Protein backbone atom coordinates (compact mmCIF):
# COMPACT_ATOMS: atom_id res chain seq x y z
CA UNK A 1 0.00 0.00 0.00
CA UNK A 2 2.67 2.51 1.01
CA UNK A 3 4.76 1.71 -2.07
CA UNK A 4 1.74 2.21 -4.30
CA UNK A 5 0.99 5.58 -2.67
CA UNK A 6 4.57 6.69 -3.17
CA UNK A 7 4.47 5.63 -6.82
CA UNK A 8 1.22 7.49 -7.43
CA UNK A 9 2.54 10.59 -5.67
CA UNK A 10 5.60 10.56 -7.92
CA UNK A 11 3.52 10.21 -11.08
CA UNK A 12 1.17 13.02 -10.03
CA UNK A 13 4.10 15.29 -9.18
CA UNK A 14 5.48 14.80 -12.69
CA UNK A 15 2.15 15.44 -14.43
CA UNK A 16 0.79 18.30 -12.33
CA UNK A 17 2.08 21.31 -10.40
CA UNK A 18 1.88 20.72 -6.65
CA UNK A 19 -0.34 23.02 -4.62
CA UNK A 20 2.13 25.05 -2.46
CA UNK A 21 0.07 24.52 0.70
CA UNK A 22 -1.11 20.93 0.29
CA UNK A 23 1.26 19.30 -2.18
CA UNK A 24 4.66 19.88 -0.53
CA UNK A 25 5.63 17.44 2.23
CA UNK A 26 7.16 18.82 5.43
CA UNK A 27 9.72 16.03 5.38
CA UNK A 28 11.53 14.00 8.02
CA UNK A 29 13.70 16.90 9.23
CA UNK A 30 10.81 19.06 10.45
CA UNK A 31 10.61 20.98 12.72
CA UNK A 32 14.43 21.40 12.71
CA UNK A 33 14.46 22.21 8.99
CA UNK A 34 11.29 22.99 7.03
CA UNK A 35 10.34 23.72 3.43
CA UNK A 36 9.05 27.23 2.81
CA UNK A 37 6.94 28.55 -0.04
CA UNK A 38 8.03 32.16 -0.59
CA UNK A 39 5.23 34.71 -1.05
CA UNK A 40 7.18 37.98 -0.74
CA UNK A 41 10.70 39.33 -1.06
CA UNK A 42 12.02 42.35 0.87
CA UNK A 43 11.83 44.57 -2.24
CA UNK A 44 8.11 44.04 -2.84
CA UNK A 45 5.98 47.19 -2.58
CA UNK A 46 2.82 45.07 -2.99
CA UNK A 47 1.72 42.42 -0.50
CA UNK A 48 1.36 39.08 -2.23
CA UNK A 49 -0.15 35.98 -0.69
CA UNK A 50 -1.09 32.48 -1.73
CA UNK A 51 -4.61 32.03 -3.07
CA UNK A 52 -5.57 28.99 -1.02
CA UNK A 53 -8.12 27.67 -3.53
CA UNK A 54 -6.11 27.81 -6.76
CA UNK A 55 -2.56 27.60 -5.41
CA UNK A 56 -1.52 30.68 -7.39
CA UNK A 57 0.17 33.74 -5.92
CA UNK A 58 -2.19 36.72 -5.83
CA UNK A 59 -2.04 40.43 -5.05
CA UNK A 60 -3.48 40.99 -1.59
CA UNK A 61 -3.01 44.75 -1.36
CA UNK A 62 -0.48 47.48 -2.14
CA UNK A 63 1.65 48.42 0.84
CA UNK A 64 0.15 51.71 2.02
CA UNK A 65 3.31 53.05 3.61
CA UNK A 66 7.02 52.89 2.84
CA UNK A 67 7.69 50.02 5.26
CA UNK A 68 8.74 46.81 3.55
CA UNK A 69 9.09 43.32 4.99
CA UNK A 70 12.58 43.03 6.54
CA UNK A 71 13.18 39.59 5.03
CA UNK A 72 11.91 36.91 2.70
CA UNK A 73 8.40 35.96 3.80
CA UNK A 74 6.30 32.89 3.16
CA UNK A 75 4.46 29.92 4.61
CA UNK A 76 5.24 26.43 5.82
CA UNK A 77 3.30 23.85 3.76
CA UNK A 78 0.88 21.44 5.43
CA UNK A 79 0.49 23.60 8.53
CA UNK A 80 -2.60 25.38 9.88
CA UNK A 81 -3.08 27.75 12.80
CA UNK A 82 -6.06 26.00 14.36
CA UNK A 83 -7.37 24.93 17.78
CA UNK A 84 -4.20 23.22 19.05
CA UNK A 85 -2.07 26.19 18.01
CA UNK A 86 -4.50 28.61 19.67
CA UNK A 87 -4.47 26.52 22.86
CA UNK A 88 -0.68 26.78 22.98
CA UNK A 89 -0.87 30.56 22.64
CA UNK A 90 -3.45 30.70 25.43
CA UNK A 91 -1.19 28.58 27.62
CA UNK A 92 1.77 30.91 27.04
CA UNK A 93 -0.11 34.21 27.32
CA UNK A 94 -2.75 33.39 29.93
CA UNK A 95 -5.41 34.69 27.53
CA UNK A 96 -8.74 32.99 26.91
CA UNK A 97 -11.05 32.87 23.92
CA UNK A 98 -8.33 32.96 21.26
CA UNK A 99 -8.75 31.18 17.95
CA UNK A 100 -6.35 30.25 15.19
CA UNK A 101 -6.57 32.26 11.98
CA UNK A 102 -7.03 29.07 9.89
CA UNK A 103 -4.10 30.04 7.67
CA UNK A 104 -0.77 28.31 7.05
CA UNK A 105 2.01 29.16 9.51
CA UNK A 106 3.89 32.30 8.43
CA UNK A 107 7.67 32.44 8.45
CA UNK A 108 10.38 35.05 7.79
CA UNK A 109 13.73 33.85 6.42
CA UNK A 110 17.06 35.64 6.80
CA UNK A 111 19.51 35.27 3.94
CA UNK A 112 22.86 36.91 3.21
CA UNK A 113 22.28 36.77 -0.55
CA UNK A 114 19.29 38.73 -1.87
CA UNK A 115 16.38 36.63 -3.05
CA UNK A 116 14.26 39.08 -5.01
CA UNK A 117 11.54 36.83 -6.30
CA UNK A 118 8.62 34.91 -4.87
CA UNK A 119 6.77 31.74 -5.91
CA UNK A 120 9.80 29.60 -5.08
CA UNK A 121 10.60 26.95 -2.48
CA UNK A 122 13.55 26.94 -0.08
CA UNK A 123 14.74 25.14 3.05
CA UNK A 124 14.90 27.09 6.30
CA UNK A 125 15.95 26.49 9.90
CA UNK A 126 13.53 28.08 12.43
CA UNK A 127 15.25 29.86 15.31
CA UNK A 128 12.30 31.53 17.06
CA UNK A 129 9.25 33.64 16.45
CA UNK A 130 6.89 36.45 17.34
CA UNK A 131 3.76 35.47 19.24
CA UNK A 132 1.27 37.68 17.43
CA UNK A 133 -2.46 38.14 18.02
CA UNK A 134 -4.46 39.83 15.27
CA UNK A 135 -8.01 40.77 16.22
CA UNK A 136 -8.30 37.87 18.66
CA UNK A 137 -6.77 35.35 16.25
CA UNK A 138 -3.40 33.64 16.72
CA UNK A 139 -1.09 34.62 13.86
CA UNK A 140 2.47 33.71 14.88
CA UNK A 141 5.37 34.81 12.67
CA UNK A 142 8.33 32.44 12.85
CA UNK A 143 11.85 33.66 12.21
CA UNK A 144 14.28 31.36 10.43
CA UNK A 145 17.58 31.34 8.58
CA UNK A 146 18.18 29.99 5.11
CA UNK A 147 19.75 26.56 5.44
CA UNK A 148 23.53 26.65 4.85
CA UNK A 149 23.52 30.44 4.50
CA UNK A 150 27.06 31.79 4.74
CA UNK A 151 26.22 34.55 7.23
CA UNK A 152 23.18 33.28 9.11
CA UNK A 153 23.33 29.53 8.62
CA UNK A 154 25.11 28.92 11.93
CA UNK A 155 22.40 30.67 13.97
CA UNK A 156 20.42 28.22 16.08
CA UNK A 157 18.28 30.37 18.38
CA UNK A 158 16.62 33.77 18.51
CA UNK A 159 19.34 34.88 20.95
CA UNK A 160 21.72 34.89 17.97
CA UNK A 161 19.60 37.58 16.30
CA UNK A 162 20.63 41.22 17.03
CA UNK A 163 18.13 43.31 18.95
CA UNK A 164 17.79 45.92 16.20
CA UNK A 165 16.85 43.24 13.70
CA UNK A 166 14.11 41.94 15.99
CA UNK A 167 12.87 45.52 16.41
CA UNK A 168 12.49 45.79 12.64
CA UNK A 169 10.36 42.66 12.55
CA UNK A 170 8.23 43.92 15.43
CA UNK A 171 7.71 47.33 13.85
CA UNK A 172 6.77 45.89 10.49
CA UNK A 173 4.19 43.43 11.78
CA UNK A 174 2.71 45.92 14.27
CA UNK A 175 2.12 48.49 11.52
CA UNK A 176 1.70 46.62 8.23
CA UNK A 177 -2.10 46.56 8.48
CA UNK A 178 -2.59 50.11 9.67
CA UNK A 179 -4.77 52.36 7.52
CA UNK A 180 -4.11 56.10 7.05
CA UNK A 181 -5.75 58.14 9.78
CA UNK A 182 -6.45 55.24 12.15
CA UNK A 183 -5.19 55.23 15.72
CA UNK A 184 -6.50 51.88 17.03
CA UNK A 185 -4.04 49.01 16.65
CA UNK A 186 -5.55 45.57 16.02
CA UNK A 187 -2.25 43.66 16.08
CA UNK A 188 -0.18 42.93 19.17
CA UNK A 189 2.99 40.96 19.81
CA UNK A 190 2.98 39.42 23.27
CA UNK A 191 6.32 37.59 23.23
CA UNK A 192 9.45 36.92 21.26
CA UNK A 193 10.32 33.26 21.75
CA UNK A 194 13.16 30.92 20.90
CA UNK A 195 13.83 27.77 18.93
CA UNK A 196 12.12 25.25 21.19
CA UNK A 197 8.84 27.14 21.23
CA UNK A 198 9.06 27.66 17.47
CA UNK A 199 9.39 23.90 17.05
CA UNK A 200 6.34 23.34 19.25
CA UNK A 201 4.31 25.84 17.22
CA UNK A 202 5.22 23.91 14.06
CA UNK A 203 4.18 20.61 15.67
CA UNK A 204 0.83 22.09 16.75
CA UNK A 205 0.20 23.62 13.32
CA UNK A 206 1.11 20.34 11.67
CA UNK A 207 -1.43 18.49 13.79
CA UNK A 208 -4.08 21.17 13.19
CA UNK A 209 -3.53 20.73 9.46
CA UNK A 210 -3.81 16.94 9.70
CA UNK A 211 -7.04 17.24 11.69
CA UNK A 212 -8.60 19.87 9.44
CA UNK A 213 -7.69 18.26 6.13
CA UNK A 214 -8.07 14.61 7.08
CA UNK A 215 -10.49 14.27 4.16
CA UNK A 216 -7.66 15.02 1.71
CA UNK A 217 -5.59 12.15 3.08
CA UNK A 218 -8.59 9.83 3.06
CA UNK A 219 -9.39 10.73 -0.55
CA UNK A 220 -5.79 10.07 -1.57
CA UNK A 221 -5.75 6.72 0.18
CA UNK A 222 -9.00 5.72 -1.55
CA UNK A 223 -7.50 6.70 -4.89
CA UNK A 224 -4.42 4.56 -4.33
CA UNK A 225 -6.51 1.49 -3.46
CA UNK A 226 -8.55 1.56 -6.66
CA UNK A 227 -8.02 -1.47 -8.85
C-alpha atoms as a PDB file:
ATOM      1  CA  UNK A   1       0.000   0.000   0.000  1.00  0.00           C
ATOM      2  CA  UNK A   2       2.670   2.509   1.015  1.00  0.00           C
ATOM      3  CA  UNK A   3       4.761   1.711  -2.070  1.00  0.00           C
ATOM      4  CA  UNK A   4       1.737   2.213  -4.298  1.00  0.00           C
ATOM      5  CA  UNK A   5       0.987   5.578  -2.667  1.00  0.00           C
ATOM      6  CA  UNK A   6       4.572   6.692  -3.169  1.00  0.00           C
ATOM      7  CA  UNK A   7       4.471   5.633  -6.821  1.00  0.00           C
ATOM      8  CA  UNK A   8       1.223   7.489  -7.435  1.00  0.00           C
ATOM      9  CA  UNK A   9       2.543  10.593  -5.670  1.00  0.00           C
ATOM     10  CA  UNK A  10       5.605  10.558  -7.923  1.00  0.00           C
ATOM     11  CA  UNK A  11       3.522  10.207 -11.083  1.00  0.00           C
ATOM     12  CA  UNK A  12       1.168  13.017 -10.031  1.00  0.00           C
ATOM     13  CA  UNK A  13       4.095  15.295  -9.180  1.00  0.00           C
ATOM     14  CA  UNK A  14       5.479  14.804 -12.693  1.00  0.00           C
ATOM     15  CA  UNK A  15       2.154  15.438 -14.435  1.00  0.00           C
ATOM     16  CA  UNK A  16       0.793  18.303 -12.326  1.00  0.00           C
ATOM     17  CA  UNK A  17       2.078  21.311 -10.404  1.00  0.00           C
ATOM     18  CA  UNK A  18       1.884  20.725  -6.645  1.00  0.00           C
ATOM     19  CA  UNK A  19      -0.341  23.021  -4.616  1.00  0.00           C
ATOM     20  CA  UNK A  20       2.127  25.051  -2.459  1.00  0.00           C
ATOM     21  CA  UNK A  21       0.065  24.520   0.698  1.00  0.00           C
ATOM     22  CA  UNK A  22      -1.110  20.934   0.290  1.00  0.00           C
ATOM     23  CA  UNK A  23       1.261  19.301  -2.182  1.00  0.00           C
ATOM     24  CA  UNK A  24       4.656  19.878  -0.527  1.00  0.00           C
ATOM     25  CA  UNK A  25       5.627  17.444   2.226  1.00  0.00           C
ATOM     26  CA  UNK A  26       7.155  18.816   5.426  1.00  0.00           C
ATOM     27  CA  UNK A  27       9.718  16.030   5.379  1.00  0.00           C
ATOM     28  CA  UNK A  28      11.531  13.995   8.021  1.00  0.00           C
ATOM     29  CA  UNK A  29      13.696  16.898   9.229  1.00  0.00           C
ATOM     30  CA  UNK A  30      10.812  19.059  10.450  1.00  0.00           C
ATOM     31  CA  UNK A  31      10.608  20.980  12.722  1.00  0.00           C
ATOM     32  CA  UNK A  32      14.425  21.399  12.711  1.00  0.00           C
ATOM     33  CA  UNK A  33      14.459  22.211   8.990  1.00  0.00           C
ATOM     34  CA  UNK A  34      11.290  22.990   7.032  1.00  0.00           C
ATOM     35  CA  UNK A  35      10.345  23.716   3.426  1.00  0.00           C
ATOM     36  CA  UNK A  36       9.052  27.234   2.805  1.00  0.00           C
ATOM     37  CA  UNK A  37       6.939  28.553  -0.037  1.00  0.00           C
ATOM     38  CA  UNK A  38       8.030  32.164  -0.593  1.00  0.00           C
ATOM     39  CA  UNK A  39       5.230  34.708  -1.050  1.00  0.00           C
ATOM     40  CA  UNK A  40       7.182  37.975  -0.740  1.00  0.00           C
ATOM     41  CA  UNK A  41      10.695  39.333  -1.063  1.00  0.00           C
ATOM     42  CA  UNK A  42      12.024  42.352   0.873  1.00  0.00           C
ATOM     43  CA  UNK A  43      11.832  44.566  -2.241  1.00  0.00           C
ATOM     44  CA  UNK A  44       8.106  44.045  -2.843  1.00  0.00           C
ATOM     45  CA  UNK A  45       5.978  47.189  -2.581  1.00  0.00           C
ATOM     46  CA  UNK A  46       2.823  45.071  -2.991  1.00  0.00           C
ATOM     47  CA  UNK A  47       1.719  42.421  -0.503  1.00  0.00           C
ATOM     48  CA  UNK A  48       1.356  39.085  -2.231  1.00  0.00           C
ATOM     49  CA  UNK A  49      -0.147  35.976  -0.689  1.00  0.00           C
ATOM     50  CA  UNK A  50      -1.095  32.482  -1.726  1.00  0.00           C
ATOM     51  CA  UNK A  51      -4.614  32.035  -3.068  1.00  0.00           C
ATOM     52  CA  UNK A  52      -5.570  28.994  -1.025  1.00  0.00           C
ATOM     53  CA  UNK A  53      -8.117  27.674  -3.534  1.00  0.00           C
ATOM     54  CA  UNK A  54      -6.109  27.806  -6.761  1.00  0.00           C
ATOM     55  CA  UNK A  55      -2.557  27.603  -5.411  1.00  0.00           C
ATOM     56  CA  UNK A  56      -1.519  30.682  -7.394  1.00  0.00           C
ATOM     57  CA  UNK A  57       0.172  33.741  -5.916  1.00  0.00           C
ATOM     58  CA  UNK A  58      -2.195  36.720  -5.831  1.00  0.00           C
ATOM     59  CA  UNK A  59      -2.040  40.428  -5.054  1.00  0.00           C
ATOM     60  CA  UNK A  60      -3.480  40.990  -1.590  1.00  0.00           C
ATOM     61  CA  UNK A  61      -3.012  44.746  -1.355  1.00  0.00           C
ATOM     62  CA  UNK A  62      -0.482  47.483  -2.142  1.00  0.00           C
ATOM     63  CA  UNK A  63       1.646  48.424   0.845  1.00  0.00           C
ATOM     64  CA  UNK A  64       0.153  51.709   2.024  1.00  0.00           C
ATOM     65  CA  UNK A  65       3.315  53.046   3.609  1.00  0.00           C
ATOM     66  CA  UNK A  66       7.023  52.892   2.842  1.00  0.00           C
ATOM     67  CA  UNK A  67       7.692  50.024   5.257  1.00  0.00           C
ATOM     68  CA  UNK A  68       8.741  46.809   3.552  1.00  0.00           C
ATOM     69  CA  UNK A  69       9.089  43.322   4.987  1.00  0.00           C
ATOM     70  CA  UNK A  70      12.583  43.029   6.538  1.00  0.00           C
ATOM     71  CA  UNK A  71      13.185  39.591   5.034  1.00  0.00           C
ATOM     72  CA  UNK A  72      11.910  36.905   2.700  1.00  0.00           C
ATOM     73  CA  UNK A  73       8.399  35.963   3.797  1.00  0.00           C
ATOM     74  CA  UNK A  74       6.296  32.890   3.160  1.00  0.00           C
ATOM     75  CA  UNK A  75       4.459  29.924   4.605  1.00  0.00           C
ATOM     76  CA  UNK A  76       5.237  26.426   5.822  1.00  0.00           C
ATOM     77  CA  UNK A  77       3.296  23.852   3.762  1.00  0.00           C
ATOM     78  CA  UNK A  78       0.881  21.443   5.426  1.00  0.00           C
ATOM     79  CA  UNK A  79       0.490  23.603   8.529  1.00  0.00           C
ATOM     80  CA  UNK A  80      -2.596  25.378   9.879  1.00  0.00           C
ATOM     81  CA  UNK A  81      -3.075  27.747  12.801  1.00  0.00           C
ATOM     82  CA  UNK A  82      -6.064  26.004  14.355  1.00  0.00           C
ATOM     83  CA  UNK A  83      -7.373  24.929  17.785  1.00  0.00           C
ATOM     84  CA  UNK A  84      -4.201  23.222  19.049  1.00  0.00           C
ATOM     85  CA  UNK A  85      -2.066  26.189  18.015  1.00  0.00           C
ATOM     86  CA  UNK A  86      -4.499  28.608  19.666  1.00  0.00           C
ATOM     87  CA  UNK A  87      -4.465  26.524  22.862  1.00  0.00           C
ATOM     88  CA  UNK A  88      -0.675  26.779  22.984  1.00  0.00           C
ATOM     89  CA  UNK A  89      -0.866  30.565  22.641  1.00  0.00           C
ATOM     90  CA  UNK A  90      -3.454  30.699  25.431  1.00  0.00           C
ATOM     91  CA  UNK A  91      -1.185  28.584  27.616  1.00  0.00           C
ATOM     92  CA  UNK A  92       1.769  30.907  27.035  1.00  0.00           C
ATOM     93  CA  UNK A  93      -0.111  34.212  27.323  1.00  0.00           C
ATOM     94  CA  UNK A  94      -2.754  33.394  29.931  1.00  0.00           C
ATOM     95  CA  UNK A  95      -5.408  34.687  27.530  1.00  0.00           C
ATOM     96  CA  UNK A  96      -8.741  32.987  26.914  1.00  0.00           C
ATOM     97  CA  UNK A  97     -11.049  32.866  23.924  1.00  0.00           C
ATOM     98  CA  UNK A  98      -8.331  32.957  21.261  1.00  0.00           C
ATOM     99  CA  UNK A  99      -8.752  31.183  17.950  1.00  0.00           C
ATOM    100  CA  UNK A 100      -6.350  30.254  15.191  1.00  0.00           C
ATOM    101  CA  UNK A 101      -6.570  32.264  11.982  1.00  0.00           C
ATOM    102  CA  UNK A 102      -7.030  29.068   9.894  1.00  0.00           C
ATOM    103  CA  UNK A 103      -4.103  30.044   7.669  1.00  0.00           C
ATOM    104  CA  UNK A 104      -0.774  28.307   7.053  1.00  0.00           C
ATOM    105  CA  UNK A 105       2.006  29.159   9.505  1.00  0.00           C
ATOM    106  CA  UNK A 106       3.888  32.303   8.435  1.00  0.00           C
ATOM    107  CA  UNK A 107       7.669  32.436   8.447  1.00  0.00           C
ATOM    108  CA  UNK A 108      10.385  35.050   7.793  1.00  0.00           C
ATOM    109  CA  UNK A 109      13.728  33.854   6.424  1.00  0.00           C
ATOM    110  CA  UNK A 110      17.059  35.640   6.798  1.00  0.00           C
ATOM    111  CA  UNK A 111      19.513  35.274   3.940  1.00  0.00           C
ATOM    112  CA  UNK A 112      22.864  36.912   3.209  1.00  0.00           C
ATOM    113  CA  UNK A 113      22.275  36.765  -0.549  1.00  0.00           C
ATOM    114  CA  UNK A 114      19.290  38.732  -1.868  1.00  0.00           C
ATOM    115  CA  UNK A 115      16.377  36.630  -3.051  1.00  0.00           C
ATOM    116  CA  UNK A 116      14.263  39.084  -5.009  1.00  0.00           C
ATOM    117  CA  UNK A 117      11.536  36.829  -6.303  1.00  0.00           C
ATOM    118  CA  UNK A 118       8.621  34.914  -4.868  1.00  0.00           C
ATOM    119  CA  UNK A 119       6.769  31.737  -5.910  1.00  0.00           C
ATOM    120  CA  UNK A 120       9.801  29.601  -5.083  1.00  0.00           C
ATOM    121  CA  UNK A 121      10.600  26.946  -2.479  1.00  0.00           C
ATOM    122  CA  UNK A 122      13.547  26.943  -0.084  1.00  0.00           C
ATOM    123  CA  UNK A 123      14.745  25.140   3.047  1.00  0.00           C
ATOM    124  CA  UNK A 124      14.904  27.089   6.302  1.00  0.00           C
ATOM    125  CA  UNK A 125      15.953  26.485   9.897  1.00  0.00           C
ATOM    126  CA  UNK A 126      13.525  28.084  12.425  1.00  0.00           C
ATOM    127  CA  UNK A 127      15.249  29.862  15.308  1.00  0.00           C
ATOM    128  CA  UNK A 128      12.300  31.534  17.056  1.00  0.00           C
ATOM    129  CA  UNK A 129       9.245  33.638  16.446  1.00  0.00           C
ATOM    130  CA  UNK A 130       6.890  36.454  17.338  1.00  0.00           C
ATOM    131  CA  UNK A 131       3.757  35.474  19.245  1.00  0.00           C
ATOM    132  CA  UNK A 132       1.266  37.675  17.432  1.00  0.00           C
ATOM    133  CA  UNK A 133      -2.459  38.142  18.021  1.00  0.00           C
ATOM    134  CA  UNK A 134      -4.458  39.828  15.274  1.00  0.00           C
ATOM    135  CA  UNK A 135      -8.005  40.767  16.215  1.00  0.00           C
ATOM    136  CA  UNK A 136      -8.302  37.866  18.659  1.00  0.00           C
ATOM    137  CA  UNK A 137      -6.770  35.349  16.254  1.00  0.00           C
ATOM    138  CA  UNK A 138      -3.403  33.641  16.715  1.00  0.00           C
ATOM    139  CA  UNK A 139      -1.088  34.622  13.860  1.00  0.00           C
ATOM    140  CA  UNK A 140       2.468  33.706  14.877  1.00  0.00           C
ATOM    141  CA  UNK A 141       5.371  34.807  12.675  1.00  0.00           C
ATOM    142  CA  UNK A 142       8.327  32.438  12.846  1.00  0.00           C
ATOM    143  CA  UNK A 143      11.850  33.663  12.208  1.00  0.00           C
ATOM    144  CA  UNK A 144      14.281  31.362  10.428  1.00  0.00           C
ATOM    145  CA  UNK A 145      17.579  31.337   8.577  1.00  0.00           C
ATOM    146  CA  UNK A 146      18.182  29.992   5.105  1.00  0.00           C
ATOM    147  CA  UNK A 147      19.754  26.564   5.445  1.00  0.00           C
ATOM    148  CA  UNK A 148      23.528  26.649   4.852  1.00  0.00           C
ATOM    149  CA  UNK A 149      23.517  30.438   4.498  1.00  0.00           C
ATOM    150  CA  UNK A 150      27.063  31.792   4.745  1.00  0.00           C
ATOM    151  CA  UNK A 151      26.222  34.553   7.232  1.00  0.00           C
ATOM    152  CA  UNK A 152      23.175  33.283   9.112  1.00  0.00           C
ATOM    153  CA  UNK A 153      23.327  29.529   8.618  1.00  0.00           C
ATOM    154  CA  UNK A 154      25.112  28.918  11.934  1.00  0.00           C
ATOM    155  CA  UNK A 155      22.399  30.673  13.974  1.00  0.00           C
ATOM    156  CA  UNK A 156      20.421  28.219  16.082  1.00  0.00           C
ATOM    157  CA  UNK A 157      18.280  30.372  18.379  1.00  0.00           C
ATOM    158  CA  UNK A 158      16.623  33.774  18.514  1.00  0.00           C
ATOM    159  CA  UNK A 159      19.341  34.876  20.951  1.00  0.00           C
ATOM    160  CA  UNK A 160      21.723  34.889  17.968  1.00  0.00           C
ATOM    161  CA  UNK A 161      19.600  37.579  16.303  1.00  0.00           C
ATOM    162  CA  UNK A 162      20.629  41.224  17.027  1.00  0.00           C
ATOM    163  CA  UNK A 163      18.132  43.310  18.954  1.00  0.00           C
ATOM    164  CA  UNK A 164      17.788  45.917  16.203  1.00  0.00           C
ATOM    165  CA  UNK A 165      16.846  43.238  13.697  1.00  0.00           C
ATOM    166  CA  UNK A 166      14.107  41.943  15.994  1.00  0.00           C
ATOM    167  CA  UNK A 167      12.866  45.517  16.410  1.00  0.00           C
ATOM    168  CA  UNK A 168      12.495  45.785  12.638  1.00  0.00           C
ATOM    169  CA  UNK A 169      10.361  42.659  12.549  1.00  0.00           C
ATOM    170  CA  UNK A 170       8.227  43.919  15.432  1.00  0.00           C
ATOM    171  CA  UNK A 171       7.705  47.333  13.854  1.00  0.00           C
ATOM    172  CA  UNK A 172       6.767  45.891  10.488  1.00  0.00           C
ATOM    173  CA  UNK A 173       4.185  43.433  11.781  1.00  0.00           C
ATOM    174  CA  UNK A 174       2.708  45.918  14.269  1.00  0.00           C
ATOM    175  CA  UNK A 175       2.116  48.488  11.517  1.00  0.00           C
ATOM    176  CA  UNK A 176       1.705  46.620   8.226  1.00  0.00           C
ATOM    177  CA  UNK A 177      -2.101  46.558   8.476  1.00  0.00           C
ATOM    178  CA  UNK A 178      -2.591  50.115   9.672  1.00  0.00           C
ATOM    179  CA  UNK A 179      -4.772  52.360   7.519  1.00  0.00           C
ATOM    180  CA  UNK A 180      -4.110  56.098   7.051  1.00  0.00           C
ATOM    181  CA  UNK A 181      -5.751  58.136   9.781  1.00  0.00           C
ATOM    182  CA  UNK A 182      -6.446  55.243  12.151  1.00  0.00           C
ATOM    183  CA  UNK A 183      -5.193  55.226  15.723  1.00  0.00           C
ATOM    184  CA  UNK A 184      -6.505  51.885  17.030  1.00  0.00           C
ATOM    185  CA  UNK A 185      -4.040  49.007  16.648  1.00  0.00           C
ATOM    186  CA  UNK A 186      -5.553  45.572  16.015  1.00  0.00           C
ATOM    187  CA  UNK A 187      -2.250  43.660  16.077  1.00  0.00           C
ATOM    188  CA  UNK A 188      -0.177  42.927  19.170  1.00  0.00           C
ATOM    189  CA  UNK A 189       2.994  40.959  19.811  1.00  0.00           C
ATOM    190  CA  UNK A 190       2.975  39.424  23.268  1.00  0.00           C
ATOM    191  CA  UNK A 191       6.323  37.588  23.230  1.00  0.00           C
ATOM    192  CA  UNK A 192       9.453  36.917  21.259  1.00  0.00           C
ATOM    193  CA  UNK A 193      10.320  33.258  21.745  1.00  0.00           C
ATOM    194  CA  UNK A 194      13.162  30.924  20.900  1.00  0.00           C
ATOM    195  CA  UNK A 195      13.832  27.772  18.928  1.00  0.00           C
ATOM    196  CA  UNK A 196      12.124  25.251  21.185  1.00  0.00           C
ATOM    197  CA  UNK A 197       8.839  27.137  21.231  1.00  0.00           C
ATOM    198  CA  UNK A 198       9.061  27.657  17.469  1.00  0.00           C
ATOM    199  CA  UNK A 199       9.389  23.898  17.055  1.00  0.00           C
ATOM    200  CA  UNK A 200       6.336  23.335  19.253  1.00  0.00           C
ATOM    201  CA  UNK A 201       4.308  25.838  17.222  1.00  0.00           C
ATOM    202  CA  UNK A 202       5.221  23.912  14.062  1.00  0.00           C
ATOM    203  CA  UNK A 203       4.177  20.614  15.671  1.00  0.00           C
ATOM    204  CA  UNK A 204       0.828  22.091  16.752  1.00  0.00           C
ATOM    205  CA  UNK A 205       0.204  23.619  13.322  1.00  0.00           C
ATOM    206  CA  UNK A 206       1.109  20.341  11.673  1.00  0.00           C
ATOM    207  CA  UNK A 207      -1.429  18.493  13.793  1.00  0.00           C
ATOM    208  CA  UNK A 208      -4.079  21.169  13.190  1.00  0.00           C
ATOM    209  CA  UNK A 209      -3.529  20.734   9.460  1.00  0.00           C
ATOM    210  CA  UNK A 210      -3.810  16.944   9.699  1.00  0.00           C
ATOM    211  CA  UNK A 211      -7.043  17.242  11.687  1.00  0.00           C
ATOM    212  CA  UNK A 212      -8.605  19.872   9.439  1.00  0.00           C
ATOM    213  CA  UNK A 213      -7.689  18.262   6.133  1.00  0.00           C
ATOM    214  CA  UNK A 214      -8.072  14.611   7.083  1.00  0.00           C
ATOM    215  CA  UNK A 215     -10.491  14.275   4.156  1.00  0.00           C
ATOM    216  CA  UNK A 216      -7.663  15.018   1.711  1.00  0.00           C
ATOM    217  CA  UNK A 217      -5.589  12.151   3.077  1.00  0.00           C
ATOM    218  CA  UNK A 218      -8.591   9.834   3.063  1.00  0.00           C
ATOM    219  CA  UNK A 219      -9.390  10.735  -0.554  1.00  0.00           C
ATOM    220  CA  UNK A 220      -5.789  10.073  -1.575  1.00  0.00           C
ATOM    221  CA  UNK A 221      -5.750   6.719   0.180  1.00  0.00           C
ATOM    222  CA  UNK A 222      -8.999   5.721  -1.550  1.00  0.00           C
ATOM    223  CA  UNK A 223      -7.496   6.700  -4.886  1.00  0.00           C
ATOM    224  CA  UNK A 224      -4.424   4.557  -4.330  1.00  0.00           C
ATOM    225  CA  UNK A 225      -6.515   1.494  -3.456  1.00  0.00           C
ATOM    226  CA  UNK A 226      -8.547   1.563  -6.657  1.00  0.00           C
ATOM    227  CA  UNK A 227      -8.019  -1.474  -8.848  1.00  0.00           C
END
